[in-house]
Amino acid sequence: MGTPKITNGIVRAIFEIALPSIAVFLGVVYAQTAWGDVVAGFVFLLLTGIMLLSIYLSAKYWTKTYTAGFVLAGLVLLFISPDITSDLVHPIFGHLGTILILGFLILMLKLLGEKLGISTFWEK
């Protein structure tokens, strides 16, 4: 297997940000049928947060180009992908999930900056 390319990062961003995770989707559907919309919203935020944290922790070991592809595609996809979670949970949880993903992408952008050696911008 060769070194990951920028296109590999873009594909990963599509699967992680544009397409909802199957585990998150199933967890939300189960919580909604078992306990209602509010609990389903909290389950959505919890599972999304866990998923994003696991990506961030593994991103420390990605190459610069792979990270750049993921971050750039993720920022674009965040604003152009349809939000299907608002059909499953209360819209406020969908908005909070969007804020969570935006915060995650900002952290990923900071990580990319550190990998590229421009981390002094954040240290000031």
C-alpha atoms as a PDB file:
ATOM      1  CA  MET A   1       0.000   0.000   0.000  1.00  0.00           C
ATOM      2  CA  GLY A   2       1.368   3.366  -0.995  1.00  0.00           C
ATOM      3  CA  THR A   3       1.406   6.610   0.922  1.00  0.00           C
ATOM      4  CA  PRO A   4      -2.089   8.083   1.382  1.00  0.00           C
ATOM      5  CA  LYS A   5      -2.847  10.843  -1.104  1.00  0.00           C
ATOM      6  CA  ILE A   6      -5.024  13.930  -0.834  1.00  0.00           C
ATOM      7  CA  THR A   7      -7.808  12.096  -2.658  1.00  0.00           C
ATOM      8  CA  ASN A   8      -7.792   9.430   0.056  1.00  0.00           C
ATOM      9  CA  GLY A   9      -8.443  12.164   2.618  1.00  0.00           C
ATOM     10  CA  ILE A  10     -11.282  13.568   0.520  1.00  0.00           C
ATOM     11  CA  VAL A  11     -12.916  10.146   0.255  1.00  0.00           C
ATOM     12  CA  ARG A  12     -12.574   9.664   4.029  1.00  0.00           C
ATOM     13  CA  ALA A  13     -14.240  13.039   4.638  1.00  0.00           C
ATOM     14  CA  ILE A  14     -17.137  12.069   2.387  1.00  0.00           C
ATOM     15  CA  PHE A  15     -17.721   8.890   4.353  1.00  0.00           C
ATOM     16  CA  GLU A  16     -17.310  10.514   7.773  1.00  0.00           C
ATOM     17  CA  ILE A  17     -19.005  13.908   7.347  1.00  0.00           C
ATOM     18  CA  ALA A  18     -21.343  13.847   4.355  1.00  0.00           C
ATOM     19  CA  LEU A  19     -22.730  10.369   4.907  1.00  0.00           C
ATOM     20  CA  PRO A  20     -24.084   9.688   8.373  1.00  0.00           C
ATOM     21  CA  SER A  21     -22.415   6.921  10.285  1.00  0.00           C
ATOM     22  CA  ILE A  22     -24.456   3.721  10.361  1.00  0.00           C
ATOM     23  CA  ALA A  23     -23.807   3.264  14.078  1.00  0.00           C
ATOM     24  CA  VAL A  24     -25.003   6.793  14.850  1.00  0.00           C
ATOM     25  CA  PHE A  25     -28.058   6.340  12.655  1.00  0.00           C
ATOM     26  CA  LEU A  26     -29.025   3.021  14.256  1.00  0.00           C
ATOM     27  CA  GLY A  27     -28.415   4.366  17.759  1.00  0.00           C
ATOM     28  CA  VAL A  28     -30.623   7.378  17.117  1.00  0.00           C
ATOM     29  CA  VAL A  29     -33.414   5.305  15.581  1.00  0.00           C
ATOM     30  CA  TYR A  30     -33.345   2.855  18.496  1.00  0.00           C
ATOM     31  CA  ALA A  31     -33.304   5.624  21.110  1.00  0.00           C
ATOM     32  CA  GLN A  32     -36.139   7.428  19.358  1.00  0.00           C
ATOM     33  CA  THR A  33     -38.376   4.361  19.320  1.00  0.00           C
ATOM     34  CA  ALA A  34     -37.464   3.352  22.872  1.00  0.00           C
ATOM     35  CA  TRP A  35     -37.300   6.690  24.717  1.00  0.00           C
ATOM     36  CA  GLY A  36     -38.426   9.511  22.442  1.00  0.00           C
ATOM     37  CA  ASP A  37     -37.028  12.454  20.512  1.00  0.00           C
ATOM     38  CA  VAL A  38     -35.119  14.193  23.304  1.00  0.00           C
ATOM     39  CA  VAL A  39     -33.123  11.126  24.300  1.00  0.00           C
ATOM     40  CA  ALA A  40     -32.525  10.367  20.620  1.00  0.00           C
ATOM     41  CA  GLY A  41     -31.068  13.862  20.232  1.00  0.00           C
ATOM     42  CA  PHE A  42     -28.679  13.338  23.120  1.00  0.00           C
ATOM     43  CA  VAL A  43     -27.705   9.917  21.747  1.00  0.00           C
ATOM     44  CA  PHE A  44     -27.022  11.579  18.387  1.00  0.00           C
ATOM     45  CA  LEU A  45     -24.727  14.156  19.997  1.00  0.00           C
ATOM     46  CA  LEU A  46     -22.951  11.556  22.144  1.00  0.00           C
ATOM     47  CA  LEU A  47     -22.320   9.095  19.323  1.00  0.00           C
ATOM     48  CA  THR A  48     -21.279  11.863  16.922  1.00  0.00           C
ATOM     49  CA  GLY A  49     -18.865  13.229  19.520  1.00  0.00           C
ATOM     50  CA  ILE A  50     -17.335   9.803  20.113  1.00  0.00           C
ATOM     51  CA  MET A  51     -16.949   9.244  16.369  1.00  0.00           C
ATOM     52  CA  LEU A  52     -15.297  12.641  15.844  1.00  0.00           C
ATOM     53  CA  LEU A  53     -12.991  12.134  18.832  1.00  0.00           C
ATOM     54  CA  SER A  54     -11.809   8.804  17.451  1.00  0.00           C
ATOM     55  CA  ILE A  55     -11.098  10.408  14.067  1.00  0.00           C
ATOM     56  CA  TYR A  56      -9.191  13.263  15.703  1.00  0.00           C
ATOM     57  CA  LEU A  57      -7.076  10.889  17.780  1.00  0.00           C
ATOM     58  CA  SER A  58      -6.149   8.825  14.727  1.00  0.00           C
ATOM     59  CA  ALA A  59      -5.532  11.957  12.617  1.00  0.00           C
ATOM     60  CA  LYS A  60      -2.398  12.689  14.616  1.00  0.00           C
ATOM     61  CA  TYR A  61      -0.762   9.849  12.691  1.00  0.00           C
ATOM     62  CA  TRP A  62      -1.999  10.809   9.213  1.00  0.00           C
ATOM     63  CA  THR A  63       0.245  12.343   6.586  1.00  0.00           C
ATOM     64  CA  LYS A  64       0.036  16.050   5.799  1.00  0.00           C
ATOM     65  CA  THR A  65      -1.631  15.542   2.430  1.00  0.00           C
ATOM     66  CA  TYR A  66      -4.187  13.073   3.785  1.00  0.00           C
ATOM     67  CA  THR A  67      -5.055  15.477   6.613  1.00  0.00           C
ATOM     68  CA  ALA A  68      -5.305  18.398   4.170  1.00  0.00           C
ATOM     69  CA  GLY A  69      -7.662  16.471   1.915  1.00  0.00           C
ATOM     70  CA  PHE A  70      -9.843  15.496   4.846  1.00  0.00           C
ATOM     71  CA  VAL A  71     -10.014  19.030   6.272  1.00  0.00           C
ATOM     72  CA  LEU A  72     -10.678  20.788   2.967  1.00  0.00           C
ATOM     73  CA  ALA A  73     -13.314  18.300   1.859  1.00  0.00           C
ATOM     74  CA  GLY A  74     -14.839  18.280   5.340  1.00  0.00           C
ATOM     75  CA  LEU A  75     -15.281  22.050   5.384  1.00  0.00           C
ATOM     76  CA  VAL A  76     -16.904  22.018   1.950  1.00  0.00           C
ATOM     77  CA  LEU A  77     -19.121  19.035   2.752  1.00  0.00           C
ATOM     78  CA  LEU A  78     -20.269  20.542   6.026  1.00  0.00           C
ATOM     79  CA  PHE A  79     -22.020  23.322   4.165  1.00  0.00           C
ATOM     80  CA  ILE A  80     -23.267  21.455   1.099  1.00  0.00           C
ATOM     81  CA  SER A  81     -24.363  18.074   2.460  1.00  0.00           C
ATOM     82  CA  PRO A  82     -28.014  17.708   3.409  1.00  0.00           C
ATOM     83  CA  ASP A  83     -28.805  17.438   7.086  1.00  0.00           C
ATOM     84  CA  ILE A  84     -30.906  14.297   7.413  1.00  0.00           C
ATOM     85  CA  THR A  85     -30.575  14.251  11.188  1.00  0.00           C
ATOM     86  CA  SER A  86     -33.192  16.983  11.475  1.00  0.00           C
ATOM     87  CA  ASP A  87     -35.682  14.411  10.161  1.00  0.00           C
ATOM     88  CA  LEU A  88     -34.771  12.037  12.976  1.00  0.00           C
ATOM     89  CA  VAL A  89     -34.271  14.326  15.974  1.00  0.00           C
ATOM     90  CA  HIS A  90     -35.426  17.779  17.026  1.00  0.00           C
ATOM     91  CA  PRO A  91     -33.804  20.468  14.826  1.00  0.00           C
ATOM     92  CA  ILE A  92     -31.930  21.959  17.790  1.00  0.00           C
ATOM     93  CA  PHE A  93     -29.960  18.726  18.093  1.00  0.00           C
ATOM     94  CA  GLY A  94     -29.219  18.867  14.364  1.00  0.00           C
ATOM     95  CA  HIS A  95     -27.850  22.395  14.790  1.00  0.00           C
ATOM     96  CA  LEU A  96     -25.812  21.355  17.824  1.00  0.00           C
ATOM     97  CA  GLY A  97     -24.424  18.453  15.792  1.00  0.00           C
ATOM     98  CA  THR A  98     -23.423  20.871  13.037  1.00  0.00           C
ATOM     99  CA  ILE A  99     -21.651  23.055  15.607  1.00  0.00           C
ATOM    100  CA  LEU A 100     -19.917  19.949  16.966  1.00  0.00           C
ATOM    101  CA  ILE A 101     -18.699  19.009  13.478  1.00  0.00           C
ATOM    102  CA  LEU A 102     -17.564  22.586  12.791  1.00  0.00           C
ATOM    103  CA  GLY A 103     -15.584  22.622  16.047  1.00  0.00           C
ATOM    104  CA  PHE A 104     -14.068  19.286  15.095  1.00  0.00           C
ATOM    105  CA  LEU A 105     -13.023  20.615  11.685  1.00  0.00           C
ATOM    106  CA  ILE A 106     -11.450  23.675  13.311  1.00  0.00           C
ATOM    107  CA  LEU A 107      -9.424  21.350  15.553  1.00  0.00           C
ATOM    108  CA  MET A 108      -8.446  19.354  12.466  1.00  0.00           C
ATOM    109  CA  LEU A 109      -7.373  22.584  10.756  1.00  0.00           C
ATOM    110  CA  LYS A 110      -5.248  23.411  13.790  1.00  0.00           C
ATOM    111  CA  LEU A 111      -3.704  19.931  13.648  1.00  0.00           C
ATOM    112  CA  LEU A 112      -2.948  20.429   9.956  1.00  0.00           C
ATOM    113  CA  GLY A 113      -1.282  23.736  10.780  1.00  0.00           C
ATOM    114  CA  GLU A 114       0.893  22.019  13.356  1.00  0.00           C
ATOM    115  CA  LYS A 115       1.865  19.362  10.818  1.00  0.00           C
ATOM    116  CA  LEU A 116       2.762  22.049   8.296  1.00  0.00           C
ATOM    117  CA  GLY A 117       4.820  23.940  10.878  1.00  0.00           C
ATOM    118  CA  ILE A 118       2.606  27.005  11.155  1.00  0.00           C
ATOM    119  CA  SER A 119       1.448  26.339  14.710  1.00  0.00           C
ATOM    120  CA  THR A 120       2.948  29.602  15.997  1.00  0.00           C
ATOM    121  CA  PHE A 121      -0.210  31.345  14.761  1.00  0.00           C
ATOM    122  CA  TRP A 122      -2.254  29.629  17.504  1.00  0.00           C
ATOM    123  CA  GLU A 123       0.406  30.000  20.192  1.00  0.00           C
ATOM    124  CA  LYS A 124       0.249  33.814  20.237  1.00  0.00           C
END
